[in-house]
Amino acid sequence: MDEQATDLSEYLSQHHEELNAYLSGLFGSANFANEITQDLLFYLWNSPVKLCVGNPMAQLLSMANRLGQYRKRQRISTGLYIPQRQPRTPSVLNY
């Protein structure tokens, strides 16, 4: 195998906080983001994916986004609740 190859499960283990932050912002739920990150890590441990060329974070973001969109559609179709984004607190400068 190429020396430059990146094991995505190791990369995710090192950068899971950044991925969680991205997914939390994308889906509006830290718990949902954590669930997606853990499921993706489990998948990568059981089905190793090597990235030889390119940006490993971009590939992880793409995989996590697709998994999150799939889970979101699954929950909507089964009627399970998906948390909505919380409204931002009003700025004190607007008063």
C-alpha atoms as a PDB file:
ATOM      1  CA  MET A   1       0.000   0.000   0.000  1.00  0.00           C
ATOM      2  CA  ASP A   2       1.179   3.544  -0.664  1.00  0.00           C
ATOM      3  CA  GLU A   3       2.966   5.192   2.267  1.00  0.00           C
ATOM      4  CA  GLN A   4       0.812   8.287   1.776  1.00  0.00           C
ATOM      5  CA  ALA A   5      -2.447   6.354   2.206  1.00  0.00           C
ATOM      6  CA  THR A   6      -4.681   7.577   5.014  1.00  0.00           C
ATOM      7  CA  ASP A   7      -6.813   5.195   7.061  1.00  0.00           C
ATOM      8  CA  LEU A   8     -10.064   7.122   7.417  1.00  0.00           C
ATOM      9  CA  SER A   9     -11.002   5.424  10.703  1.00  0.00           C
ATOM     10  CA  GLU A  10      -7.754   6.662  12.288  1.00  0.00           C
ATOM     11  CA  TYR A  11      -8.259  10.100  10.780  1.00  0.00           C
ATOM     12  CA  LEU A  12     -11.826  10.251  12.120  1.00  0.00           C
ATOM     13  CA  SER A  13     -10.632   9.145  15.563  1.00  0.00           C
ATOM     14  CA  GLN A  14      -8.251  12.104  15.593  1.00  0.00           C
ATOM     15  CA  HIS A  15     -10.720  14.664  14.193  1.00  0.00           C
ATOM     16  CA  HIS A  16     -14.091  13.553  15.584  1.00  0.00           C
ATOM     17  CA  GLU A  17     -14.667  16.833  17.454  1.00  0.00           C
ATOM     18  CA  GLU A  18     -14.391  18.877  14.261  1.00  0.00           C
ATOM     19  CA  LEU A  19     -16.762  16.521  12.464  1.00  0.00           C
ATOM     20  CA  ASN A  20     -19.235  16.692  15.377  1.00  0.00           C
ATOM     21  CA  ALA A  21     -19.141  20.496  15.284  1.00  0.00           C
ATOM     22  CA  TYR A  22     -19.835  20.510  11.542  1.00  0.00           C
ATOM     23  CA  LEU A  23     -22.707  18.035  11.843  1.00  0.00           C
ATOM     24  CA  SER A  24     -24.188  19.849  14.859  1.00  0.00           C
ATOM     25  CA  GLY A  25     -24.383  23.018  12.814  1.00  0.00           C
ATOM     26  CA  LEU A  26     -25.731  21.192   9.785  1.00  0.00           C
ATOM     27  CA  PHE A  27     -28.467  19.207  11.533  1.00  0.00           C
ATOM     28  CA  GLY A  28     -29.073  21.406  14.586  1.00  0.00           C
ATOM     29  CA  SER A  29     -28.534  18.673  17.168  1.00  0.00           C
ATOM     30  CA  ALA A  30     -25.363  17.705  19.029  1.00  0.00           C
ATOM     31  CA  ASN A  31     -26.853  14.296  19.903  1.00  0.00           C
ATOM     32  CA  PHE A  32     -27.756  13.549  16.295  1.00  0.00           C
ATOM     33  CA  ALA A  33     -24.272  14.663  15.205  1.00  0.00           C
ATOM     34  CA  ASN A  34     -22.648  12.386  17.775  1.00  0.00           C
ATOM     35  CA  GLU A  35     -24.806   9.472  16.626  1.00  0.00           C
ATOM     36  CA  ILE A  36     -23.744  10.007  13.003  1.00  0.00           C
ATOM     37  CA  THR A  37     -20.059  10.313  13.959  1.00  0.00           C
ATOM     38  CA  GLN A  38     -20.155   7.126  16.026  1.00  0.00           C
ATOM     39  CA  ASP A  39     -21.972   5.198  13.292  1.00  0.00           C
ATOM     40  CA  LEU A  40     -19.485   6.399  10.691  1.00  0.00           C
ATOM     41  CA  LEU A  41     -16.558   5.375  12.894  1.00  0.00           C
ATOM     42  CA  PHE A  42     -18.125   1.937  13.437  1.00  0.00           C
ATOM     43  CA  TYR A  43     -18.585   1.547   9.687  1.00  0.00           C
ATOM     44  CA  LEU A  44     -14.982   2.567   8.968  1.00  0.00           C
ATOM     45  CA  TRP A  45     -13.623   0.148  11.576  1.00  0.00           C
ATOM     46  CA  ASN A  46     -15.578  -2.735  10.039  1.00  0.00           C
ATOM     47  CA  SER A  47     -15.090  -1.749   6.386  1.00  0.00           C
ATOM     48  CA  PRO A  48     -11.702  -0.038   6.208  1.00  0.00           C
ATOM     49  CA  VAL A  49     -11.468   2.732   3.638  1.00  0.00           C
ATOM     50  CA  LYS A  50      -8.095   4.016   2.527  1.00  0.00           C
ATOM     51  CA  LEU A  51      -7.685   7.387   0.882  1.00  0.00           C
ATOM     52  CA  CYS A  52      -4.527   7.554  -1.221  1.00  0.00           C
ATOM     53  CA  VAL A  53      -4.913  10.981  -2.799  1.00  0.00           C
ATOM     54  CA  GLY A  54      -6.891  14.015  -1.790  1.00  0.00           C
ATOM     55  CA  ASN A  55      -8.303  15.549   1.343  1.00  0.00           C
ATOM     56  CA  PRO A  56      -9.391  13.019   4.011  1.00  0.00           C
ATOM     57  CA  MET A  57     -11.543  15.583   5.837  1.00  0.00           C
ATOM     58  CA  ALA A  58     -13.497  16.319   2.659  1.00  0.00           C
ATOM     59  CA  GLN A  59     -14.213  12.619   2.206  1.00  0.00           C
ATOM     60  CA  LEU A  60     -15.314  12.261   5.852  1.00  0.00           C
ATOM     61  CA  LEU A  61     -17.570  15.319   5.603  1.00  0.00           C
ATOM     62  CA  SER A  62     -19.152  13.919   2.457  1.00  0.00           C
ATOM     63  CA  MET A  63     -19.699  10.476   3.988  1.00  0.00           C
ATOM     64  CA  ALA A  64     -21.087  11.945   7.228  1.00  0.00           C
ATOM     65  CA  ASN A  65     -23.393  14.316   5.355  1.00  0.00           C
ATOM     66  CA  ARG A  66     -24.824  11.474   3.245  1.00  0.00           C
ATOM     67  CA  LEU A  67     -25.293   9.280   6.327  1.00  0.00           C
ATOM     68  CA  GLY A  68     -26.959  12.142   8.204  1.00  0.00           C
ATOM     69  CA  GLN A  69     -29.314  12.946   5.317  1.00  0.00           C
ATOM     70  CA  TYR A  70     -30.244   9.264   5.058  1.00  0.00           C
ATOM     71  CA  ARG A  71     -30.929   9.013   8.809  1.00  0.00           C
ATOM     72  CA  LYS A  72     -32.939  12.222   8.735  1.00  0.00           C
ATOM     73  CA  ARG A  73     -35.137  10.908   5.891  1.00  0.00           C
ATOM     74  CA  GLN A  74     -35.505   7.608   7.763  1.00  0.00           C
ATOM     75  CA  ARG A  75     -36.686   9.355  10.914  1.00  0.00           C
ATOM     76  CA  ILE A  76     -39.098  11.588   9.039  1.00  0.00           C
ATOM     77  CA  SER A  77     -40.636   8.616   7.203  1.00  0.00           C
ATOM     78  CA  THR A  78     -41.113   6.679  10.458  1.00  0.00           C
ATOM     79  CA  GLY A  79     -42.513   9.700  12.279  1.00  0.00           C
ATOM     80  CA  LEU A  80     -39.685   9.995  14.789  1.00  0.00           C
ATOM     81  CA  TYR A  81     -38.934  13.446  16.110  1.00  0.00           C
ATOM     82  CA  ILE A  82     -35.949  15.294  14.716  1.00  0.00           C
ATOM     83  CA  PRO A  83     -34.932  18.341  16.720  1.00  0.00           C
ATOM     84  CA  GLN A  84     -35.274  21.593  14.879  1.00  0.00           C
ATOM     85  CA  ARG A  85     -32.607  24.241  15.007  1.00  0.00           C
ATOM     86  CA  GLN A  86     -32.928  26.401  18.056  1.00  0.00           C
ATOM     87  CA  PRO A  87     -33.687  30.054  17.358  1.00  0.00           C
ATOM     88  CA  ARG A  88     -30.806  32.349  18.076  1.00  0.00           C
ATOM     89  CA  THR A  89     -31.061  34.428  21.191  1.00  0.00           C
ATOM     90  CA  PRO A  90     -31.874  38.042  20.418  1.00  0.00           C
ATOM     91  CA  SER A  91     -28.976  40.419  20.456  1.00  0.00           C
ATOM     92  CA  VAL A  92     -28.930  43.064  23.169  1.00  0.00           C
ATOM     93  CA  LEU A  93     -27.937  45.552  20.484  1.00  0.00           C
ATOM     94  CA  ASN A  94     -31.374  45.269  18.864  1.00  0.00           C
ATOM     95  CA  TYR A  95     -33.142  46.823  21.857  1.00  0.00           C
END
